[in-house]
PDB file of N, CA and C in Angstrom:
ATOM      1  N   UNK A   1     -45.758 109.253 -36.736  1.00  0.00           N
ATOM      2  CA  UNK A   1     -47.177 109.026 -36.907  1.00  0.00           C
ATOM      3  C   UNK A   1     -47.534 109.283 -38.356  1.00  0.00           C
ATOM      4  N   UNK A   2     -48.158 108.329 -38.971  1.00  0.00           N
ATOM      5  CA  UNK A   2     -48.544 108.466 -40.377  1.00  0.00           C
ATOM      6  C   UNK A   2     -49.948 109.041 -40.463  1.00  0.00           C
ATOM      7  N   UNK A   3     -50.129 109.984 -41.364  1.00  0.00           N
ATOM      8  CA  UNK A   3     -51.431 110.610 -41.558  1.00  0.00           C
ATOM      9  C   UNK A   3     -51.818 110.495 -43.021  1.00  0.00           C
ATOM     10  N   UNK A   4     -53.104 110.486 -43.270  1.00  0.00           N
ATOM     11  CA  UNK A   4     -53.562 110.520 -44.656  1.00  0.00           C
ATOM     12  C   UNK A   4     -54.808 111.384 -44.743  1.00  0.00           C
ATOM     13  N   UNK A   5     -55.015 111.965 -45.896  1.00  0.00           N
ATOM     14  CA  UNK A   5     -56.180 112.798 -46.157  1.00  0.00           C
ATOM     15  C   UNK A   5     -57.331 111.873 -46.517  1.00  0.00           C
ATOM     16  N   UNK A   6     -58.421 111.942 -45.778  1.00  0.00           N
ATOM     17  CA  UNK A   6     -59.566 111.072 -46.054  1.00  0.00           C
ATOM     18  C   UNK A   6     -60.854 111.868 -45.905  1.00  0.00           C
ATOM     19  N   UNK A   7     -61.588 112.012 -46.986  1.00  0.00           N
ATOM     20  CA  UNK A   7     -62.867 112.693 -46.988  1.00  0.00           C
ATOM     21  C   UNK A   7     -62.788 114.061 -46.323  1.00  0.00           C
ATOM     22  N   UNK A   8     -61.757 114.825 -46.671  1.00  0.00           N
ATOM     23  CA  UNK A   8     -61.631 116.179 -46.164  1.00  0.00           C
ATOM     24  C   UNK A   8     -61.068 116.282 -44.767  1.00  0.00           C
ATOM     25  N   UNK A   9     -60.726 115.172 -44.141  1.00  0.00           N
ATOM     26  CA  UNK A   9     -60.180 115.198 -42.792  1.00  0.00           C
ATOM     27  C   UNK A   9     -58.812 114.535 -42.787  1.00  0.00           C
ATOM     28  N   UNK A  10     -58.009 114.932 -41.825  1.00  0.00           N
ATOM     29  CA  UNK A  10     -56.739 114.250 -41.616  1.00  0.00           C
ATOM     30  C   UNK A  10     -56.993 113.216 -40.538  1.00  0.00           C
ATOM     31  N   UNK A  11     -56.690 111.969 -40.829  1.00  0.00           N
ATOM     32  CA  UNK A  11     -56.943 110.913 -39.853  1.00  0.00           C
ATOM     33  C   UNK A  11     -55.649 110.208 -39.478  1.00  0.00           C
ATOM     34  N   UNK A  12     -55.558 109.809 -38.238  1.00  0.00           N
ATOM     35  CA  UNK A  12     -54.400 109.093 -37.714  1.00  0.00           C
ATOM     36  C   UNK A  12     -54.521 107.641 -38.158  1.00  0.00           C
ATOM     37  N   UNK A  13     -53.468 107.115 -38.808  1.00  0.00           N
ATOM     38  CA  UNK A  13     -53.547 105.752 -39.352  1.00  0.00           C
ATOM     39  C   UNK A  13     -53.099 104.699 -38.360  1.00  0.00           C
ATOM     40  N   UNK A  14     -52.775 105.068 -37.130  1.00  0.00           N
ATOM     41  CA  UNK A  14     -52.303 104.062 -36.175  1.00  0.00           C
ATOM     42  C   UNK A  14     -53.310 102.941 -35.960  1.00  0.00           C
ATOM     43  N   UNK A  15     -54.596 103.214 -36.137  1.00  0.00           N
ATOM     44  CA  UNK A  15     -55.608 102.201 -35.954  1.00  0.00           C
ATOM     45  C   UNK A  15     -55.886 101.386 -37.204  1.00  0.00           C
ATOM     46  N   UNK A  16     -55.288 101.729 -38.327  1.00  0.00           N
ATOM     47  CA  UNK A  16     -55.484 101.034 -39.594  1.00  0.00           C
ATOM     48  C   UNK A  16     -54.791  99.675 -39.527  1.00  0.00           C
ATOM     49  N   UNK A  17     -55.534  98.598 -39.779  1.00  0.00           N
ATOM     50  CA  UNK A  17     -54.992  97.240 -39.672  1.00  0.00           C
ATOM     51  C   UNK A  17     -53.789  97.023 -40.579  1.00  0.00           C
ATOM     52  N   UNK A  18     -53.795  97.620 -41.787  1.00  0.00           N
ATOM     53  CA  UNK A  18     -52.661  97.443 -42.705  1.00  0.00           C
ATOM     54  C   UNK A  18     -51.403  98.102 -42.144  1.00  0.00           C
ATOM     55  N   UNK A  19     -51.577  99.283 -41.563  1.00  0.00           N
ATOM     56  CA  UNK A  19     -50.437  99.992 -40.975  1.00  0.00           C
ATOM     57  C   UNK A  19     -49.889  99.222 -39.764  1.00  0.00           C
ATOM     58  N   UNK A  20     -50.790  98.710 -38.924  1.00  0.00           N
ATOM     59  CA  UNK A  20     -50.350  97.930 -37.769  1.00  0.00           C
ATOM     60  C   UNK A  20     -49.604  96.670 -38.210  1.00  0.00           C
ATOM     61  N   UNK A  21     -50.075  96.030 -39.281  1.00  0.00           N
ATOM     62  CA  UNK A  21     -49.387  94.851 -39.827  1.00  0.00           C
ATOM     63  C   UNK A  21     -47.988  95.239 -40.303  1.00  0.00           C
ATOM     64  N   UNK A  22     -47.867  96.400 -40.976  1.00  0.00           N
ATOM     65  CA  UNK A  22     -46.564  96.878 -41.453  1.00  0.00           C
ATOM     66  C   UNK A  22     -45.628  97.128 -40.268  1.00  0.00           C
ATOM     67  N   UNK A  23     -46.146  97.782 -39.227  1.00  0.00           N
ATOM     68  CA  UNK A  23     -45.348  98.056 -38.027  1.00  0.00           C
ATOM     69  C   UNK A  23     -44.872  96.746 -37.408  1.00  0.00           C
ATOM     70  N   UNK A  24     -45.771  95.786 -37.245  1.00  0.00           N
ATOM     71  CA  UNK A  24     -45.405  94.500 -36.635  1.00  0.00           C
ATOM     72  C   UNK A  24     -44.331  93.784 -37.439  1.00  0.00           C
ATOM     73  N   UNK A  25     -44.379  93.903 -38.759  1.00  0.00           N
ATOM     74  CA  UNK A  25     -43.406  93.248 -39.625  1.00  0.00           C
ATOM     75  C   UNK A  25     -42.056  93.958 -39.603  1.00  0.00           C
ATOM     76  N   UNK A  26     -42.063  95.293 -39.558  1.00  0.00           N
ATOM     77  CA  UNK A  26     -40.834  96.075 -39.714  1.00  0.00           C
ATOM     78  C   UNK A  26     -40.219  96.578 -38.424  1.00  0.00           C
ATOM     79  N   UNK A  27     -40.940  96.542 -37.330  1.00  0.00           N
ATOM     80  CA  UNK A  27     -40.400  97.042 -36.074  1.00  0.00           C
ATOM     81  C   UNK A  27     -39.421  96.025 -35.493  1.00  0.00           C
ATOM     82  N   UNK A  28     -38.607  96.471 -34.570  1.00  0.00           N
ATOM     83  CA  UNK A  28     -37.635  95.599 -33.932  1.00  0.00           C
ATOM     84  C   UNK A  28     -37.581  95.945 -32.449  1.00  0.00           C
ATOM     85  N   UNK A  29     -37.070  95.022 -31.657  1.00  0.00           N
ATOM     86  CA  UNK A  29     -36.933  95.265 -30.221  1.00  0.00           C
ATOM     87  C   UNK A  29     -35.564  95.884 -29.946  1.00  0.00           C
ATOM     88  N   UNK A  30     -35.427  96.484 -28.795  1.00  0.00           N
ATOM     89  CA  UNK A  30     -34.129  97.071 -28.425  1.00  0.00           C
ATOM     90  C   UNK A  30     -33.056  95.988 -28.312  1.00  0.00           C
ATOM     91  N   UNK A  31     -33.447  94.759 -27.999  1.00  0.00           N
ATOM     92  CA  UNK A  31     -32.485  93.657 -27.934  1.00  0.00           C
ATOM     93  C   UNK A  31     -31.929  93.338 -29.317  1.00  0.00           C
ATOM     94  N   UNK A  32     -32.727  93.568 -30.363  1.00  0.00           N
ATOM     95  CA  UNK A  32     -32.289  93.302 -31.736  1.00  0.00           C
ATOM     96  C   UNK A  32     -31.437  94.431 -32.312  1.00  0.00           C
ATOM     97  N   UNK A  33     -31.498  95.609 -31.715  1.00  0.00           N
ATOM     98  CA  UNK A  33     -30.830  96.787 -32.276  1.00  0.00           C
ATOM     99  C   UNK A  33     -29.334  96.583 -32.507  1.00  0.00           C
ATOM    100  N   UNK A  34     -28.556  96.041 -31.537  1.00  0.00           N
ATOM    101  CA  UNK A  34     -27.123  95.859 -31.800  1.00  0.00           C
ATOM    102  C   UNK A  34     -26.836  94.966 -33.005  1.00  0.00           C
ATOM    103  N   UNK A  35     -27.624  93.924 -33.189  1.00  0.00           N
ATOM    104  CA  UNK A  35     -27.446  93.034 -34.339  1.00  0.00           C
ATOM    105  C   UNK A  35     -27.695  93.790 -35.637  1.00  0.00           C
ATOM    106  N   UNK A  36     -28.770  94.551 -35.667  1.00  0.00           N
ATOM    107  CA  UNK A  36     -29.111  95.311 -36.873  1.00  0.00           C
ATOM    108  C   UNK A  36     -28.059  96.381 -37.137  1.00  0.00           C
ATOM    109  N   UNK A  37     -27.578  97.059 -36.087  1.00  0.00           N
ATOM    110  CA  UNK A  37     -26.522  98.062 -36.258  1.00  0.00           C
ATOM    111  C   UNK A  37     -25.269  97.429 -36.865  1.00  0.00           C
ATOM    112  N   UNK A  38     -24.932  96.218 -36.431  1.00  0.00           N
ATOM    113  CA  UNK A  38     -23.791  95.510 -37.003  1.00  0.00           C
ATOM    114  C   UNK A  38     -23.999  95.179 -38.469  1.00  0.00           C
ATOM    115  N   UNK A  39     -25.209  94.790 -38.821  1.00  0.00           N
ATOM    116  CA  UNK A  39     -25.521  94.495 -40.220  1.00  0.00           C
ATOM    117  C   UNK A  39     -25.412  95.754 -41.066  1.00  0.00           C
ATOM    118  N   UNK A  40     -25.854  96.880 -40.524  1.00  0.00           N
ATOM    119  CA  UNK A  40     -25.763  98.139 -41.264  1.00  0.00           C
ATOM    120  C   UNK A  40     -24.292  98.536 -41.444  1.00  0.00           C
ATOM    121  N   UNK A  41     -23.486  98.414 -40.405  1.00  0.00           N
ATOM    122  CA  UNK A  41     -22.054  98.735 -40.511  1.00  0.00           C
ATOM    123  C   UNK A  41     -21.366  97.861 -41.553  1.00  0.00           C
ATOM    124  N   UNK A  42     -21.818  96.624 -41.701  1.00  0.00           N
ATOM    125  CA  UNK A  42     -21.189  95.677 -42.615  1.00  0.00           C
ATOM    126  C   UNK A  42     -21.640  95.831 -44.069  1.00  0.00           C
ATOM    127  N   UNK A  43     -22.597  96.705 -44.334  1.00  0.00           N
ATOM    128  CA  UNK A  43     -23.058  96.881 -45.711  1.00  0.00           C
ATOM    129  C   UNK A  43     -21.907  97.301 -46.628  1.00  0.00           C
ATOM    130  N   UNK A  44     -21.823  96.682 -47.785  1.00  0.00           N
ATOM    131  CA  UNK A  44     -20.774  97.026 -48.748  1.00  0.00           C
ATOM    132  C   UNK A  44     -21.026  98.395 -49.364  1.00  0.00           C
ATOM    133  N   UNK A  45     -22.270  98.746 -49.492  1.00  0.00           N
ATOM    134  CA  UNK A  45     -22.638 100.032 -50.080  1.00  0.00           C
ATOM    135  C   UNK A  45     -23.639 100.719 -49.164  1.00  0.00           C
ATOM    136  N   UNK A  46     -23.385 101.970 -48.885  1.00  0.00           N
ATOM    137  CA  UNK A  46     -24.297 102.748 -48.042  1.00  0.00           C
ATOM    138  C   UNK A  46     -24.703 104.015 -48.790  1.00  0.00           C
ATOM    139  N   UNK A  47     -25.724 103.918 -49.616  1.00  0.00           N
ATOM    140  CA  UNK A  47     -26.131 105.109 -50.376  1.00  0.00           C
ATOM    141  C   UNK A  47     -26.618 106.212 -49.444  1.00  0.00           C
ATOM    142  N   UNK A  48     -26.378 107.446 -49.855  1.00  0.00           N
ATOM    143  CA  UNK A  48     -26.858 108.602 -49.122  1.00  0.00           C
ATOM    144  C   UNK A  48     -28.352 108.756 -49.393  1.00  0.00           C
ATOM    145  N   UNK A  49     -29.128 108.826 -48.338  1.00  0.00           N
ATOM    146  CA  UNK A  49     -30.565 109.028 -48.461  1.00  0.00           C
ATOM    147  C   UNK A  49     -30.860 110.475 -48.085  1.00  0.00           C
ATOM    148  N   UNK A  50     -31.488 111.192 -48.999  1.00  0.00           N
ATOM    149  CA  UNK A  50     -31.873 112.579 -48.750  1.00  0.00           C
ATOM    150  C   UNK A  50     -33.334 112.623 -48.345  1.00  0.00           C
ATOM    151  N   UNK A  51     -33.597 113.265 -47.230  1.00  0.00           N
ATOM    152  CA  UNK A  51     -34.970 113.414 -46.751  1.00  0.00           C
ATOM    153  C   UNK A  51     -35.438 114.811 -47.147  1.00  0.00           C
ATOM    154  N   UNK A  52     -36.486 114.863 -47.936  1.00  0.00           N
ATOM    155  CA  UNK A  52     -37.036 116.130 -48.403  1.00  0.00           C
ATOM    156  C   UNK A  52     -38.495 116.180 -47.971  1.00  0.00           C
ATOM    157  N   UNK A  53     -38.876 117.284 -47.344  1.00  0.00           N
ATOM    158  CA  UNK A  53     -40.265 117.420 -46.925  1.00  0.00           C
ATOM    159  C   UNK A  53     -40.675 118.885 -46.950  1.00  0.00           C
ATOM    160  N   UNK A  54     -41.945 119.130 -47.250  1.00  0.00           N
ATOM    161  CA  UNK A  54     -42.417 120.514 -47.254  1.00  0.00           C
ATOM    162  C   UNK A  54     -42.495 121.040 -45.825  1.00  0.00           C
ATOM    163  N   UNK A  55     -42.183 122.301 -45.652  1.00  0.00           N
ATOM    164  CA  UNK A  55     -42.217 122.884 -44.316  1.00  0.00           C
ATOM    165  C   UNK A  55     -43.070 124.144 -44.235  1.00  0.00           C
ATOM    166  N   UNK A  56     -43.646 124.563 -45.338  1.00  0.00           N
ATOM    167  CA  UNK A  56     -44.455 125.778 -45.338  1.00  0.00           C
ATOM    168  C   UNK A  56     -45.732 125.571 -44.513  1.00  0.00           C
ATOM    169  N   UNK A  57     -45.910 126.386 -43.513  1.00  0.00           N
ATOM    170  CA  UNK A  57     -47.086 126.338 -42.633  1.00  0.00           C
ATOM    171  C   UNK A  57     -47.248 125.014 -41.893  1.00  0.00           C
ATOM    172  N   UNK A  58     -46.191 124.277 -41.715  1.00  0.00           N
ATOM    173  CA  UNK A  58     -46.253 123.023 -40.967  1.00  0.00           C
ATOM    174  C   UNK A  58     -46.073 123.342 -39.491  1.00  0.00           C
ATOM    175  N   UNK A  59     -46.922 122.798 -38.623  1.00  0.00           N
ATOM    176  CA  UNK A  59     -46.767 123.050 -37.191  1.00  0.00           C
ATOM    177  C   UNK A  59     -45.380 122.596 -36.708  1.00  0.00           C
ATOM    178  N   UNK A  60     -44.761 123.422 -35.878  1.00  0.00           N
ATOM    179  CA  UNK A  60     -43.405 123.136 -35.400  1.00  0.00           C
ATOM    180  C   UNK A  60     -43.321 121.772 -34.723  1.00  0.00           C
ATOM    181  N   UNK A  61     -44.335 121.382 -33.979  1.00  0.00           N
ATOM    182  CA  UNK A  61     -44.342 120.084 -33.303  1.00  0.00           C
ATOM    183  C   UNK A  61     -44.201 118.941 -34.311  1.00  0.00           C
ATOM    184  N   UNK A  62     -44.896 119.062 -35.442  1.00  0.00           N
ATOM    185  CA  UNK A  62     -44.825 118.008 -36.455  1.00  0.00           C
ATOM    186  C   UNK A  62     -43.440 117.957 -37.095  1.00  0.00           C
ATOM    187  N   UNK A  63     -42.829 119.112 -37.315  1.00  0.00           N
ATOM    188  CA  UNK A  63     -41.465 119.141 -37.857  1.00  0.00           C
ATOM    189  C   UNK A  63     -40.496 118.504 -36.875  1.00  0.00           C
ATOM    190  N   UNK A  64     -40.622 118.852 -35.597  1.00  0.00           N
ATOM    191  CA  UNK A  64     -39.756 118.263 -34.572  1.00  0.00           C
ATOM    192  C   UNK A  64     -39.889 116.744 -34.526  1.00  0.00           C
ATOM    193  N   UNK A  65     -41.129 116.261 -34.611  1.00  0.00           N
ATOM    194  CA  UNK A  65     -41.361 114.809 -34.593  1.00  0.00           C
ATOM    195  C   UNK A  65     -40.769 114.139 -35.825  1.00  0.00           C
ATOM    196  N   UNK A  66     -40.910 114.776 -36.979  1.00  0.00           N
ATOM    197  CA  UNK A  66     -40.364 114.209 -38.216  1.00  0.00           C
ATOM    198  C   UNK A  66     -38.843 114.134 -38.155  1.00  0.00           C
ATOM    199  N   UNK A  67     -38.216 115.203 -37.699  1.00  0.00           N
ATOM    200  CA  UNK A  67     -36.752 115.225 -37.587  1.00  0.00           C
ATOM    201  C   UNK A  67     -36.283 114.186 -36.580  1.00  0.00           C
ATOM    202  N   UNK A  68     -36.962 114.093 -35.445  1.00  0.00           N
ATOM    203  CA  UNK A  68     -36.594 113.108 -34.418  1.00  0.00           C
ATOM    204  C   UNK A  68     -36.724 111.687 -34.959  1.00  0.00           C
ATOM    205  N   UNK A  69     -37.750 111.433 -35.761  1.00  0.00           N
ATOM    206  CA  UNK A  69     -37.936 110.072 -36.278  1.00  0.00           C
ATOM    207  C   UNK A  69     -36.808 109.678 -37.226  1.00  0.00           C
ATOM    208  N   UNK A  70     -36.295 110.634 -37.995  1.00  0.00           N
ATOM    209  CA  UNK A  70     -35.172 110.342 -38.885  1.00  0.00           C
ATOM    210  C   UNK A  70     -33.893 110.178 -38.059  1.00  0.00           C
ATOM    211  N   UNK A  71     -33.697 111.050 -37.086  1.00  0.00           N
ATOM    212  CA  UNK A  71     -32.486 110.992 -36.258  1.00  0.00           C
ATOM    213  C   UNK A  71     -32.397 109.686 -35.472  1.00  0.00           C
ATOM    214  N   UNK A  72     -33.521 109.053 -35.172  1.00  0.00           N
ATOM    215  CA  UNK A  72     -33.546 107.810 -34.410  1.00  0.00           C
ATOM    216  C   UNK A  72     -33.337 106.559 -35.262  1.00  0.00           C
ATOM    217  N   UNK A  73     -33.218 106.712 -36.565  1.00  0.00           N
ATOM    218  CA  UNK A  73     -33.048 105.556 -37.446  1.00  0.00           C
ATOM    219  C   UNK A  73     -31.688 104.898 -37.237  1.00  0.00           C
ATOM    220  N   UNK A  74     -31.635 103.611 -37.449  1.00  0.00           N
ATOM    221  CA  UNK A  74     -30.368 102.883 -37.337  1.00  0.00           C
ATOM    222  C   UNK A  74     -29.442 103.253 -38.490  1.00  0.00           C
ATOM    223  N   UNK A  75     -29.977 103.298 -39.683  1.00  0.00           N
ATOM    224  CA  UNK A  75     -29.179 103.685 -40.855  1.00  0.00           C
ATOM    225  C   UNK A  75     -28.842 105.172 -40.712  1.00  0.00           C
ATOM    226  N   UNK A  76     -27.561 105.501 -40.820  1.00  0.00           N
ATOM    227  CA  UNK A  76     -27.161 106.872 -40.509  1.00  0.00           C
ATOM    228  C   UNK A  76     -26.612 107.682 -41.685  1.00  0.00           C
ATOM    229  N   UNK A  77     -26.653 107.136 -42.888  1.00  0.00           N
ATOM    230  CA  UNK A  77     -26.121 107.877 -44.026  1.00  0.00           C
ATOM    231  C   UNK A  77     -27.241 108.628 -44.735  1.00  0.00           C
ATOM    232  N   UNK A  78     -27.709 109.679 -44.087  1.00  0.00           N
ATOM    233  CA  UNK A  78     -28.799 110.473 -44.629  1.00  0.00           C
ATOM    234  C   UNK A  78     -28.490 111.949 -44.403  1.00  0.00           C
ATOM    235  N   UNK A  79     -29.203 112.764 -45.149  1.00  0.00           N
ATOM    236  CA  UNK A  79     -29.058 114.222 -44.989  1.00  0.00           C
ATOM    237  C   UNK A  79     -30.425 114.853 -44.973  1.00  0.00           C
TER     238      UNK A  79
END
């Protein structure tokens, strides 16, 4: 879930038309997953992607969701 600071409040961007357009363009169906996994395996170069995020005073639920979202990615060369 993407959040942004707006006028002193944290708002959920799921209803933002631009975000929904991005999701529609970049999301894939489970039927497409094997094809995409094959394309990822066939990449000539797989750079290591490091995920860095602040954790001070972050609610545990949000950390769990963030970690789960990375763990669910098709591309697996990350730390």
